[in-house]
Protein backbone atom coordinates (compact mmCIF):
# COMPACT_ATOMS: atom_id res chain seq x y z
CA MET A 1 -15.50 7.61 5.10
CA ALA A 2 -14.84 3.80 5.80
CA PHE A 3 -12.05 2.21 4.19
CA THR A 4 -13.62 -1.44 3.93
CA GLY A 5 -13.81 -2.52 0.14
CA LYS A 6 -12.09 -4.11 -2.32
CA TYR A 7 -10.42 -2.16 -4.52
CA GLU A 8 -8.71 -2.41 -8.31
CA LEU A 9 -5.09 -0.65 -9.35
CA ARG A 10 -6.57 1.30 -12.49
CA SER A 11 -2.86 3.30 -12.72
CA ARG A 12 0.02 4.10 -11.15
CA GLU A 13 2.51 6.59 -11.66
CA ASN A 14 6.82 5.91 -11.42
CA PHE A 15 6.80 2.45 -10.77
CA GLU A 16 9.46 1.13 -11.90
CA PRO A 17 12.16 3.99 -10.69
CA PHE A 18 10.82 3.74 -7.09
CA MET A 19 10.64 -0.07 -7.27
CA LYS A 20 14.35 0.10 -8.40
CA MET A 21 15.13 2.57 -5.73
CA ILE A 22 13.44 -0.11 -2.82
CA GLY A 23 16.50 -2.98 -4.27
CA LEU A 24 13.26 -4.70 -6.14
CA PRO A 25 15.24 -6.69 -8.95
CA ASP A 26 14.45 -6.00 -12.71
CA GLU A 27 13.13 -9.36 -13.20
CA LEU A 28 10.40 -8.91 -10.85
CA ILE A 29 9.95 -5.42 -11.72
CA GLU A 30 9.32 -6.62 -15.56
CA GLN A 31 6.97 -9.49 -14.34
CA ASN A 32 4.53 -6.78 -11.96
CA LYS A 33 4.63 -3.93 -14.67
CA GLU A 34 1.71 -5.06 -16.07
CA ILE A 35 -0.09 -6.82 -13.82
CA LYS A 36 -3.43 -5.26 -11.99
CA SER A 37 -3.35 -5.82 -7.98
CA ILE A 38 -6.30 -5.94 -6.06
CA SER A 39 -6.42 -4.71 -2.43
CA GLU A 40 -8.99 -5.39 -0.09
CA ILE A 41 -9.27 -3.51 3.51
CA GLU A 42 -11.33 -4.63 6.09
CA GLN A 43 -12.11 -1.79 8.94
CA SER A 44 -13.35 -2.68 12.27
CA GLY A 45 -13.12 0.71 13.88
CA ASP A 46 -9.10 1.21 14.75
CA GLN A 47 -8.85 -2.14 13.71
CA PHE A 48 -7.31 -2.76 9.85
CA LYS A 49 -6.69 -5.97 7.82
CA VAL A 50 -5.43 -5.55 4.45
CA THR A 51 -5.15 -8.01 1.98
CA ILE A 52 -3.09 -7.31 -1.48
CA THR A 53 -3.20 -10.19 -4.43
CA THR A 54 -0.69 -9.08 -7.27
CA GLY A 55 -1.02 -12.01 -9.48
CA ALA A 56 0.09 -14.90 -6.84
CA LYS A 57 1.51 -13.09 -4.32
CA VAL A 58 -0.71 -11.93 -1.47
CA LEU A 59 0.38 -10.08 1.22
CA VAL A 60 -1.61 -9.82 4.15
CA ASN A 61 -1.26 -6.67 6.99
CA SER A 62 -3.04 -6.59 9.99
CA PHE A 63 -2.89 -3.70 12.62
CA THR A 64 -4.49 -1.11 15.31
CA VAL A 65 -4.01 2.60 14.28
CA GLY A 66 -1.49 3.99 16.99
CA GLN A 67 -0.27 0.91 17.90
CA PRO A 68 3.25 -0.69 17.16
CA THR A 69 3.13 -3.40 14.52
CA GLU A 70 5.21 -5.28 12.06
CA LEU A 71 4.21 -5.05 8.47
CA GLU A 72 5.51 -7.08 5.79
CA MET A 73 6.31 -5.21 2.92
CA ILE A 74 6.47 -5.91 -0.92
CA THR A 75 10.15 -6.49 -0.64
CA GLY A 76 9.20 -9.60 2.11
CA GLU A 77 10.82 -7.52 4.42
CA LYS A 78 8.95 -7.09 7.91
CA VAL A 79 9.56 -3.52 9.15
CA LYS A 80 8.38 -2.52 12.77
CA THR A 81 5.84 0.73 12.86
CA VAL A 82 2.94 2.41 14.12
CA VAL A 83 -0.07 3.11 11.64
CA ARG A 84 -1.82 6.54 11.88
CA LEU A 85 -5.24 7.52 11.02
CA GLU A 86 -5.45 11.26 9.84
CA GLY A 87 -8.84 12.12 8.60
CA ASN A 88 -9.36 9.70 5.46
CA LYS A 89 -5.64 9.02 5.46
CA LEU A 90 -3.47 6.57 6.84
CA THR A 91 0.43 6.84 7.35
CA ALA A 92 3.24 5.15 8.29
CA LEU A 93 6.79 5.23 7.98
CA LEU A 94 8.33 2.11 6.38
CA ASN A 95 12.28 1.78 6.81
CA GLY A 96 12.81 5.09 5.69
CA VAL A 97 9.83 5.03 3.08
CA GLU A 98 6.48 7.18 3.84
CA SER A 99 3.34 5.67 3.08
CA VAL A 100 0.09 7.24 2.48
CA THR A 101 -2.86 5.67 2.01
CA GLU A 102 -5.68 8.06 1.33
CA LEU A 103 -9.81 7.12 0.69
CA VAL A 104 -10.02 10.39 -1.53
CA ASP A 105 -13.60 9.63 -2.07
CA GLU A 106 -15.79 6.92 -1.28
CA ASN A 107 -14.90 4.65 -4.68
CA THR A 108 -11.27 6.05 -5.04
CA LEU A 109 -8.01 4.72 -3.49
CA VAL A 110 -5.00 6.18 -3.76
CA ASN A 111 -1.38 4.90 -2.08
CA SER A 112 1.63 7.23 -2.29
CA LEU A 113 5.35 5.67 -1.32
CA ILE A 114 7.95 8.31 -1.02
CA LEU A 115 11.72 7.68 -0.63
CA GLY A 116 14.24 9.95 -1.66
CA GLY A 117 12.42 12.24 -3.98
CA VAL A 118 10.96 9.65 -6.24
CA THR A 119 6.79 8.78 -5.43
CA TYR A 120 5.30 5.92 -6.46
CA LYS A 121 1.77 6.92 -6.73
CA GLY A 122 -1.27 4.31 -7.04
CA ILE A 123 -4.87 4.72 -7.67
CA SER A 124 -7.72 2.08 -7.18
CA LYS A 125 -11.10 2.18 -7.62
CA ARG A 126 -13.95 0.48 -5.39
CA MET A 127 -15.11 -2.69 -7.04
């Protein structure tokens, strides 16, 4: 399955506890609690461009699977990492945060962020 497409966030689990754990201020957590983000993924072989739009904030990261890269996190921090593709999962370690983006089926994208026993899970549907 190809990741290419536009996905709208439909539900999420453990948003507030996870965002507090990574140091997002309470004010930002409150502002973003109800905003549904749109993720657009462009995949060409092992090259990816991921654009996440949350309200007025747009986060763009480009990378090649298996190559060292620098990604911007939702906190604005830039982190050096290597993104791996394992079947239908993109995985990376971002400053101690384990990121797993899985294409569960052709219309469902699940993004999990794991840190210190807290797992944030966002479930998006293809638009």
